[in-house]
Protein backbone atom coordinates (compact mmCIF):
# COMPACT_ATOMS: atom_id res chain seq x y z
CA MET A 1 -16.83 -13.65 -40.62
CA LYS A 2 -13.04 -13.62 -40.77
CA LEU A 3 -12.51 -10.84 -38.50
CA ILE A 4 -15.01 -12.05 -35.77
CA VAL A 5 -12.76 -15.49 -35.88
CA LEU A 6 -9.77 -13.16 -35.07
CA LYS A 7 -11.34 -11.40 -32.56
CA SER A 8 -12.14 -14.36 -30.85
CA ALA A 9 -8.82 -15.91 -31.54
CA PHE A 10 -7.25 -12.57 -29.92
CA ARG A 11 -9.66 -12.30 -26.77
CA PHE A 12 -6.93 -14.37 -24.47
CA PHE A 13 -3.49 -13.16 -26.17
CA PRO A 14 -2.10 -11.31 -23.28
CA GLU A 15 -3.22 -13.28 -20.54
CA VAL A 16 -1.70 -16.56 -22.69
CA LEU A 17 1.97 -15.11 -23.62
CA LEU A 18 1.90 -14.22 -19.71
CA THR A 19 1.08 -17.61 -19.15
CA LEU A 20 4.04 -18.95 -21.06
CA VAL A 21 6.26 -16.48 -19.79
CA VAL A 22 5.35 -17.62 -15.81
CA LEU A 23 5.89 -21.31 -17.09
CA TYR A 24 9.40 -20.52 -18.57
CA TYR A 25 10.05 -18.55 -15.70
CA TRP A 26 8.96 -21.85 -13.81
CA SER A 27 10.56 -24.29 -15.72
CA SER A 28 14.09 -22.09 -15.62
CA THR A 29 14.33 -22.05 -11.46
CA GLY A 30 14.51 -25.68 -11.51
CA ASN A 31 12.53 -25.83 -8.39
CA LEU A 32 9.24 -27.63 -8.60
CA PHE A 33 7.54 -26.08 -5.66
CA ASN A 34 7.93 -22.22 -6.52
CA PRO A 35 5.84 -20.08 -4.68
CA ILE A 36 6.22 -16.67 -6.99
CA ALA A 37 5.20 -19.02 -10.17
CA ILE A 38 2.45 -20.65 -8.47
CA ALA A 39 1.23 -16.88 -7.19
CA LEU A 40 1.36 -15.91 -10.52
CA LEU A 41 -0.31 -18.95 -12.35
CA ILE A 42 -3.47 -18.75 -9.84
CA PRO A 43 -4.85 -15.42 -10.35
CA LEU A 44 -4.25 -15.71 -14.28
CA ALA A 45 -5.84 -19.10 -14.11
CA ALA A 46 -9.19 -17.31 -12.67
CA LEU A 47 -8.88 -14.73 -15.45
CA PHE A 48 -9.24 -17.28 -18.38
CA ILE A 49 -12.55 -18.42 -16.14
CA TRP A 50 -14.08 -15.12 -15.09
CA ASN A 51 -12.50 -12.35 -17.05
CA ASN A 52 -12.84 -9.65 -14.35
CA LYS A 53 -11.35 -6.24 -15.18
CA THR A 54 -10.25 -5.61 -11.51
CA LEU A 55 -8.12 -8.81 -11.43
CA GLY A 56 -6.68 -8.02 -14.58
CA VAL A 57 -5.42 -4.81 -13.89
CA ILE A 58 -4.04 -5.90 -10.84
CA VAL A 59 -2.13 -9.10 -12.32
CA SER A 60 -1.01 -6.95 -15.37
CA SER A 61 0.51 -4.16 -12.91
CA VAL A 62 2.32 -6.59 -10.81
CA VAL A 63 3.71 -8.76 -13.41
CA LEU A 64 4.82 -4.81 -14.89
CA MET A 65 6.29 -3.76 -11.31
CA ALA A 66 8.40 -7.28 -11.26
CA THR A 67 9.62 -6.84 -15.08
CA LEU A 68 10.49 -3.27 -14.55
CA TYR A 69 12.66 -5.07 -11.35
CA ILE A 70 14.04 -7.85 -13.43
CA SER A 71 15.40 -5.54 -16.05
CA LEU A 72 17.17 -3.49 -13.17
CA ALA A 73 18.59 -6.77 -12.12
CA ILE A 74 19.92 -7.77 -15.23
CA PHE A 75 21.39 -4.39 -15.96
CA SER A 76 23.21 -4.53 -12.51
CA ASP A 77 24.88 -8.41 -13.44
CA LEU A 78 25.50 -6.56 -16.73
CA ILE A 79 27.82 -4.05 -15.13
CA LYS A 80 29.33 -6.51 -13.12
CA ILE A 81 30.73 -9.23 -15.59
CA ASP A 82 34.18 -8.45 -16.83
CA PRO A 83 34.21 -10.72 -20.40
CA PHE A 84 31.23 -9.09 -21.62
CA TYR A 85 31.40 -11.18 -25.12
CA PRO A 86 30.18 -14.67 -24.36
CA ALA A 87 28.32 -14.81 -21.23
CA GLY A 88 27.03 -11.00 -20.97
CA LEU A 89 25.84 -11.22 -24.40
CA LYS A 90 23.98 -14.47 -23.84
CA LEU A 91 22.77 -12.48 -20.64
CA LEU A 92 21.57 -9.75 -22.56
CA VAL A 93 19.56 -11.11 -25.46
CA GLY A 94 18.09 -13.72 -23.30
CA GLY A 95 16.88 -11.02 -20.62
CA VAL A 96 15.69 -8.59 -23.17
CA LEU A 97 13.78 -11.27 -24.79
CA PHE A 98 12.22 -12.27 -21.30
CA VAL A 99 11.72 -8.50 -20.29
CA GLY A 100 10.46 -7.89 -23.43
CA VAL A 101 7.76 -9.88 -24.29
CA SER A 102 6.53 -10.44 -20.17
CA SER A 103 5.93 -6.41 -20.56
CA PHE A 104 4.90 -6.02 -23.79
CA SER A 105 1.85 -8.83 -22.57
CA SER A 106 1.42 -7.11 -19.51
CA ILE A 107 1.08 -3.34 -20.83
CA TRP A 108 -1.16 -5.22 -23.38
CA MET A 109 -3.35 -6.74 -20.52
CA LEU A 110 -3.19 -3.26 -18.76
CA VAL A 111 -4.85 -1.52 -21.63
CA LYS A 112 -7.24 -4.22 -22.75
CA HIS A 113 -8.72 -4.13 -19.09
CA THR A 114 -8.84 -0.10 -18.51
CA LYS A 115 -10.25 0.24 -21.53
CA LYS A 116 -14.13 1.26 -21.16
CA SER A 117 -16.77 -1.14 -22.85
CA PRO A 118 -19.40 0.84 -24.63
CA GLY A 119 -22.53 1.11 -22.28
CA ARG A 120 -26.06 0.38 -23.86
CA ILE A 121 -27.77 2.72 -25.80
CA ILE A 122 -31.02 3.40 -24.51
CA ILE A 123 -33.48 4.28 -27.60
CA LYS A 124 -37.18 5.97 -26.51
């Protein structure tokens, strides 16, 4: 019984993590009309409603590519900072946490939606 409850609780966990990451990104920009955040939240909301495997693979791939781009941007900003200790350390910790959570959840969602579900067994 406990295993069934845990499976149902973790069914949408990667989508919830990605939604929280997008909402954090949206709140940190300081702009109410952020088309990138809106364009990421609409498919995530559709995943909660329909749970389509194709849409899940597309959304997780887009977020994973954006995460890789953001990690390159963080790395280039770290190279440009002269006094590394206060500002660079804050940028590094925040960036690694943001990139780590978003890449972990997008990879988890990609694996979840590409996993082949077992078909029906026909017994004669």
